[in-house]
Amino acid sequence: MEYRHIKVEAMTPVVGAMVSEVDLGKLTSDDVFAEISDALWQYHVLFFRDQVLPPEAQSRLGNLFGEVTPHEFMRPLDGHPDVHITDHEGDGPSGNAHWHTDVTYRKRPNLVTILQPIELPKLGGDTLWCSTGAAFDALPAPMKTMLLGLSAEHDMPFHMRRLWSGQRGADGGPDAANEAEFKQIRDNPIVVHPAVINHPVTGRLTLFVNSNWTKKFVDMDLDMSDHLLAALFDWVKRPDFQVRFQWEMGSVGIFDNFATQHYAVIDYAPAYRAMQRVIAGSAEPALDLSTVAEGLRPPDWASVRQAAE
């Protein structure tokens, strides 16, 4: 696409673009937003420099992509319940120190995340993104076919128990101050999503399992599931699928949560890093096998069983 209102420069062949000549805090033009949206679906994550984006403007920008929603357990910004803070001291465990897609434990995960720093270490604290569409495209055909026939459980408490075990004592349980948080997490049931989905906007096939929230494949032996998930979690870490961004104050990142995974680098101990985030829009992950090339479609096991009987 030719952009008339913004400047877009690709950062890698598969993911990431730098966007300039736009003021996100004063975005009012439908034409400009349409070009930003188009670039987002094409490049999956967009980066902007020298922006002034107060919380209300960040929330307003998010609402252009769909309804902005609060996070289940991240701390909201005072006076702005839909804007939340993700921060870290630089040592000790972090819930973001895994490649992941945001909130896939929801039946309808958020579509877009808008992220900006509010305090940065002098060095370090970069974020990496990978294209899960590129990761799927690069898999061998037999692996694609197998994954196209699988679904997986996504489980918030599964990840949070692992996180607690590293920061709240040997039993992994919450302290009294976090009882409300624990109830919120406990009340989120397991959801099941296809292991490969069609992107809700572009239709592109994309891998949809991640090391934060995906617990196991449905109807698969647990050991086999663990080994297959581990292989896929390693696969998305390949540099071929990645872009890395060095934050500065005034930087903004907008990323497509259905086309990427991301990883926050914890390399700045004992310094502090804090980011301000909104999550916007939502869609139910789905796979339409009619969009898959015939040679890649998994067998229809119901028909196979019926024929055998």
Protein backbone atom coordinates (compact mmCIF):
# COMPACT_ATOMS: atom_id res chain seq x y z
CA MET A 1 0.00 0.00 0.00
CA GLU A 2 1.12 3.55 -0.71
CA TYR A 3 0.87 5.69 2.42
CA ARG A 4 -0.14 9.31 1.84
CA HIS A 5 -0.37 10.51 5.45
CA ILE A 6 2.34 8.59 7.33
CA LYS A 7 5.84 7.32 6.62
CA VAL A 8 6.37 3.57 7.14
CA GLU A 9 9.79 1.88 7.08
CA ALA A 10 10.02 -1.90 7.48
CA MET A 11 12.53 -3.03 10.12
CA THR A 12 12.84 -6.69 9.08
CA PRO A 13 11.45 -8.76 6.19
CA VAL A 14 8.79 -10.41 8.40
CA VAL A 15 7.83 -8.19 11.35
CA GLY A 16 8.07 -4.62 12.59
CA ALA A 17 7.98 -1.15 11.05
CA MET A 18 8.94 2.34 12.16
CA VAL A 19 6.20 4.91 11.59
CA SER A 20 6.79 8.66 11.53
CA GLU A 21 5.12 11.92 10.50
CA VAL A 22 2.15 11.37 12.82
CA ASP A 23 1.19 12.69 16.28
CA LEU A 24 -0.64 9.86 18.05
CA GLY A 25 -1.78 12.15 20.85
CA LYS A 26 -3.71 14.33 18.41
CA LEU A 27 -4.94 11.67 16.02
CA THR A 28 -8.35 12.72 14.67
CA SER A 29 -8.20 11.89 10.96
CA ASP A 30 -9.98 8.72 9.81
CA ASP A 31 -7.65 8.57 6.81
CA VAL A 32 -4.54 8.62 9.01
CA PHE A 33 -5.95 5.96 11.32
CA ALA A 34 -6.86 3.78 8.33
CA GLU A 35 -3.24 3.89 7.18
CA ILE A 36 -1.96 3.06 10.67
CA SER A 37 -4.36 0.11 10.84
CA ASP A 38 -3.32 -1.15 7.42
CA ALA A 39 0.35 -0.93 8.41
CA LEU A 40 -0.34 -2.78 11.66
CA TRP A 41 -2.00 -5.74 9.92
CA GLN A 42 0.86 -5.85 7.40
CA TYR A 43 3.85 -5.41 9.75
CA HIS A 44 2.29 -6.75 13.01
CA VAL A 45 4.08 -4.27 15.29
CA LEU A 46 4.56 -0.53 14.73
CA PHE A 47 7.01 1.74 16.52
CA PHE A 48 6.75 5.50 16.95
CA ARG A 49 9.29 7.96 18.41
CA ASP A 50 8.94 11.41 19.99
CA GLN A 51 5.31 10.99 21.00
CA VAL A 52 3.38 12.70 23.80
CA LEU A 53 0.60 10.30 24.74
CA PRO A 54 -1.13 11.01 28.09
CA PRO A 55 -3.22 8.18 29.57
CA GLU A 56 -6.51 9.55 28.24
CA ALA A 57 -5.00 9.84 24.75
CA GLN A 58 -3.57 6.32 24.96
CA SER A 59 -7.00 5.00 25.94
CA ARG A 60 -8.67 7.02 23.18
CA LEU A 61 -6.21 5.62 20.64
CA GLY A 62 -6.93 2.11 21.86
CA ASN A 63 -10.67 2.60 21.44
CA LEU A 64 -10.14 3.29 17.75
CA PHE A 65 -9.16 -0.40 17.42
CA GLY A 66 -12.04 -1.65 19.58
CA GLU A 67 -13.19 -1.45 23.17
CA VAL A 68 -10.39 -0.90 25.70
CA THR A 69 -10.69 -3.34 28.60
CA PRO A 70 -9.13 -3.54 32.08
CA HIS A 71 -6.59 -6.25 32.86
CA GLU A 72 -7.51 -9.03 35.28
CA PHE A 73 -4.61 -8.53 37.69
CA MET A 74 -2.22 -5.81 36.47
CA ARG A 75 -2.25 -2.58 38.47
CA PRO A 76 -4.46 0.13 36.92
CA LEU A 77 -3.16 3.67 36.64
CA ASP A 78 -4.74 5.98 39.21
CA GLY A 79 -7.82 7.58 37.71
CA HIS A 80 -7.59 5.48 34.53
CA PRO A 81 -8.99 1.98 35.17
CA ASP A 82 -8.48 0.88 31.56
CA VAL A 83 -4.80 1.87 31.52
CA HIS A 84 -2.49 -0.42 33.46
CA ILE A 85 1.12 -0.58 34.58
CA THR A 86 3.54 -3.43 33.95
CA ASP A 87 6.77 -2.90 35.86
CA HIS A 88 9.78 -4.77 37.20
CA GLU A 89 12.74 -4.07 39.48
CA GLY A 90 15.17 -5.92 37.24
CA ASP A 91 15.91 -8.96 39.37
CA GLY A 92 13.65 -11.76 40.51
CA PRO A 93 10.96 -13.50 38.44
CA SER A 94 8.80 -11.65 35.96
CA GLY A 95 5.58 -12.75 34.31
CA ASN A 96 6.83 -11.18 31.06
CA ALA A 97 10.10 -13.13 30.92
CA HIS A 98 8.56 -15.68 28.56
CA TRP A 99 7.59 -15.47 24.92
CA HIS A 100 3.85 -14.97 25.00
CA THR A 101 0.69 -13.58 23.46
CA ASP A 102 -1.38 -11.44 25.83
CA VAL A 103 -4.42 -12.82 27.70
CA THR A 104 -5.01 -15.94 25.59
CA TYR A 105 -6.67 -17.36 28.72
CA ARG A 106 -9.69 -15.27 27.68
CA LYS A 107 -12.32 -16.68 25.36
CA ARG A 108 -11.85 -13.48 23.34
CA PRO A 109 -8.26 -12.25 23.74
CA ASN A 110 -7.45 -8.64 22.98
CA LEU A 111 -6.59 -7.81 19.39
CA VAL A 112 -4.24 -4.84 19.88
CA THR A 113 -1.86 -3.70 22.62
CA ILE A 114 -0.49 -0.14 22.91
CA LEU A 115 2.63 0.15 25.04
CA GLN A 116 4.80 3.08 26.13
CA PRO A 117 7.50 3.56 28.79
CA ILE A 118 7.02 5.75 31.85
CA GLU A 119 10.38 4.90 33.46
CA LEU A 120 13.37 3.22 31.84
CA PRO A 121 16.75 1.91 32.98
CA LYS A 122 19.82 3.64 31.55
CA LEU A 123 20.67 0.47 29.64
CA GLY A 124 18.68 -2.61 28.68
CA GLY A 125 14.98 -3.33 28.91
CA ASP A 126 14.37 -3.94 25.20
CA THR A 127 11.34 -5.86 23.95
CA LEU A 128 11.36 -8.49 21.20
CA TRP A 129 8.46 -9.57 18.99
CA CYS A 130 8.14 -12.54 16.67
CA SER A 131 5.74 -13.12 13.80
CA THR A 132 3.65 -16.20 14.58
CA GLY A 133 2.49 -16.25 10.97
CA ALA A 134 6.08 -16.47 9.75
CA ALA A 135 6.77 -19.13 12.39
CA PHE A 136 3.87 -21.23 11.10
CA ASP A 137 4.83 -20.70 7.45
CA ALA A 138 8.35 -22.02 8.11
CA LEU A 139 7.20 -25.30 9.68
CA PRO A 140 7.48 -28.54 7.67
CA ALA A 141 4.24 -29.52 5.95
CA PRO A 142 3.60 -32.63 8.11
CA MET A 143 3.91 -30.51 11.27
CA LYS A 144 1.50 -27.94 9.85
CA THR A 145 -1.04 -30.64 9.08
CA MET A 146 -0.80 -32.08 12.58
CA LEU A 147 -1.17 -28.68 14.26
CA LEU A 148 -4.14 -27.75 12.06
CA GLY A 149 -6.00 -30.64 13.67
CA LEU A 150 -5.18 -29.73 17.28
CA SER A 151 -6.64 -27.50 19.97
CA ALA A 152 -4.97 -26.45 23.22
CA GLU A 153 -5.95 -25.44 26.73
CA HIS A 154 -5.06 -21.91 27.87
CA ASP A 155 -5.01 -21.58 31.64
CA MET A 156 -4.33 -18.44 33.70
CA PRO A 157 -3.82 -20.19 37.08
CA PHE A 158 -1.31 -22.60 35.47
CA HIS A 159 1.06 -19.72 34.71
CA MET A 160 0.35 -17.76 37.88
CA ARG A 161 1.17 -20.74 40.09
CA ARG A 162 4.55 -20.98 38.37
CA LEU A 163 5.11 -17.27 38.92
CA TRP A 164 4.09 -17.43 42.58
CA SER A 165 6.42 -20.34 43.26
CA GLY A 166 9.31 -18.04 42.39
CA GLN A 167 8.29 -15.00 44.40
CA ARG A 168 5.85 -15.88 47.20
CA GLY A 169 7.36 -18.74 49.11
CA ALA A 170 7.77 -22.45 48.68
CA ASP A 171 4.06 -23.27 48.65
CA GLY A 172 3.45 -20.95 45.70
CA GLY A 173 0.37 -19.52 47.40
CA PRO A 174 -0.67 -15.89 47.77
CA ASP A 175 -0.07 -13.79 50.83
CA ALA A 176 -3.03 -12.09 52.53
CA ALA A 177 -2.56 -8.85 50.61
CA ASN A 178 -3.04 -10.70 47.35
CA GLU A 179 -6.14 -12.70 48.24
CA ALA A 180 -8.35 -10.58 45.97
CA GLU A 181 -5.89 -11.09 43.12
CA PHE A 182 -5.85 -14.83 43.80
CA LYS A 183 -9.66 -15.00 43.64
CA GLN A 184 -9.69 -13.12 40.35
CA ILE A 185 -7.22 -15.58 38.86
CA ARG A 186 -8.91 -18.64 40.33
CA ASP A 187 -12.26 -17.58 38.86
CA ASN A 188 -10.95 -17.69 35.27
CA PRO A 189 -11.72 -21.15 33.84
CA ILE A 190 -9.61 -22.94 31.26
CA VAL A 191 -10.43 -22.00 27.66
CA VAL A 192 -9.68 -24.01 24.52
CA HIS A 193 -8.40 -22.42 21.30
CA PRO A 194 -7.25 -23.94 17.99
CA ALA A 195 -3.47 -24.43 17.86
CA VAL A 196 -3.50 -22.62 14.50
CA ILE A 197 -5.96 -19.84 13.73
CA ASN A 198 -6.96 -17.55 10.92
CA HIS A 199 -6.04 -13.99 11.79
CA PRO A 200 -9.40 -12.24 12.42
CA VAL A 201 -8.59 -9.36 10.05
CA THR A 202 -6.25 -10.76 7.38
CA GLY A 203 -7.20 -14.45 7.49
CA ARG A 204 -3.54 -15.48 7.55
CA LEU A 205 -2.78 -18.79 9.28
CA THR A 206 -0.87 -18.15 12.48
CA LEU A 207 0.44 -20.29 15.33
CA PHE A 208 -1.58 -19.76 18.51
CA VAL A 209 0.19 -21.46 21.42
CA ASN A 210 2.49 -19.64 23.84
CA SER A 211 4.66 -20.46 26.83
CA ASN A 212 2.80 -18.25 29.33
CA TRP A 213 -0.76 -19.43 29.00
CA THR A 214 -0.89 -22.64 26.94
CA LYS A 215 -1.06 -25.65 29.25
CA LYS A 216 -1.55 -28.68 27.02
CA PHE A 217 -3.00 -30.01 23.78
CA VAL A 218 -6.50 -31.41 24.04
CA ASP A 219 -6.84 -35.22 23.83
CA MET A 220 -3.08 -35.79 23.75
CA ASP A 221 -0.86 -37.73 26.13
CA LEU A 222 0.59 -35.21 28.59
CA ASP A 223 4.24 -36.16 27.98
CA MET A 224 3.75 -35.94 24.23
CA SER A 225 1.94 -32.62 24.63
CA ASP A 226 4.73 -31.21 26.81
CA HIS A 227 7.39 -32.21 24.28
CA LEU A 228 5.48 -30.81 21.31
CA LEU A 229 4.75 -27.53 23.09
CA ALA A 230 8.40 -27.22 24.15
CA ALA A 231 9.49 -27.68 20.53
CA LEU A 232 7.05 -24.99 19.35
CA PHE A 233 8.07 -22.60 22.12
CA ASP A 234 11.68 -22.99 20.99
CA TRP A 235 10.69 -22.61 17.35
CA VAL A 236 9.21 -19.12 17.76
CA LYS A 237 12.47 -17.95 19.39
CA ARG A 238 14.33 -18.19 16.07
CA PRO A 239 15.87 -14.83 15.08
CA ASP A 240 14.43 -15.30 11.57
CA PHE A 241 10.98 -14.38 12.90
CA GLN A 242 11.95 -11.50 15.22
CA VAL A 243 12.38 -7.78 15.62
CA ARG A 244 13.99 -6.11 18.66
CA PHE A 245 13.14 -2.59 19.84
CA GLN A 246 15.15 -0.32 22.12
CA TRP A 247 12.80 1.88 24.11
CA GLU A 248 13.30 5.60 24.64
CA MET A 249 11.05 8.00 26.52
CA GLY A 250 8.46 9.14 23.99
CA SER A 251 8.44 5.78 22.18
CA VAL A 252 5.15 4.00 21.54
CA GLY A 253 4.65 0.44 20.34
CA ILE A 254 1.38 -0.82 18.86
CA PHE A 255 1.22 -4.54 18.22
CA ASP A 256 -1.17 -7.07 16.74
CA ASN A 257 -1.74 -9.59 19.51
CA PHE A 258 -3.10 -12.25 17.12
CA ALA A 259 -0.02 -12.16 14.85
CA THR A 260 2.83 -11.92 17.36
CA GLN A 261 4.40 -13.10 20.56
CA HIS A 262 6.62 -10.79 22.58
CA TYR A 263 9.35 -11.00 25.21
CA ALA A 264 10.54 -8.33 27.65
CA VAL A 265 14.29 -8.59 28.24
CA ILE A 266 15.16 -8.51 31.96
CA ASP A 267 18.80 -7.35 31.75
CA TYR A 268 18.80 -4.16 33.82
CA ALA A 269 19.12 -5.27 37.47
CA PRO A 270 18.93 -3.57 39.90
CA ALA A 271 17.28 -0.76 37.89
CA TYR A 272 13.53 -0.23 37.51
CA ARG A 273 11.45 -0.34 34.32
CA ALA A 274 7.77 0.64 34.08
CA MET A 275 5.50 0.56 31.05
CA GLN A 276 2.00 1.94 30.56
CA ARG A 277 -0.32 -0.25 28.52
CA VAL A 278 -3.82 -0.52 27.11
CA ILE A 279 -5.37 -3.57 25.48
CA ALA A 280 -8.10 -3.03 22.91
CA GLY A 281 -10.47 -4.88 20.65
CA SER A 282 -11.14 -8.60 20.90
CA ALA A 283 -11.89 -11.64 18.79
CA GLU A 284 -12.55 -15.31 19.36
CA PRO A 285 -9.67 -17.37 17.92
CA ALA A 286 -10.99 -19.60 15.13
CA LEU A 287 -9.79 -21.76 12.26
CA ASP A 288 -11.66 -22.18 8.97
CA LEU A 289 -10.19 -25.27 7.30
CA SER A 290 -11.66 -24.20 3.96
CA THR A 291 -8.93 -21.54 3.85
CA VAL A 292 -6.20 -24.20 4.14
CA ALA A 293 -4.62 -25.73 1.04
CA GLU A 294 -6.06 -29.20 0.43
CA GLY A 295 -2.69 -30.86 0.76
CA LEU A 296 -2.26 -29.46 4.29
CA ARG A 297 -5.70 -30.18 5.70
CA PRO A 298 -5.75 -32.74 8.50
CA PRO A 299 -7.79 -35.92 8.00
CA ASP A 300 -11.43 -35.80 9.04
CA TRP A 301 -11.12 -38.30 11.86
CA ALA A 302 -14.88 -38.58 12.34
CA SER A 303 -15.29 -39.70 8.72
CA VAL A 304 -12.37 -42.12 9.04
CA ARG A 305 -13.92 -43.74 12.11
CA GLN A 306 -17.35 -43.91 10.48
CA ALA A 307 -15.92 -45.61 7.39
CA ALA A 308 -14.04 -48.11 9.56
CA GLU A 309 -17.25 -49.08 11.34
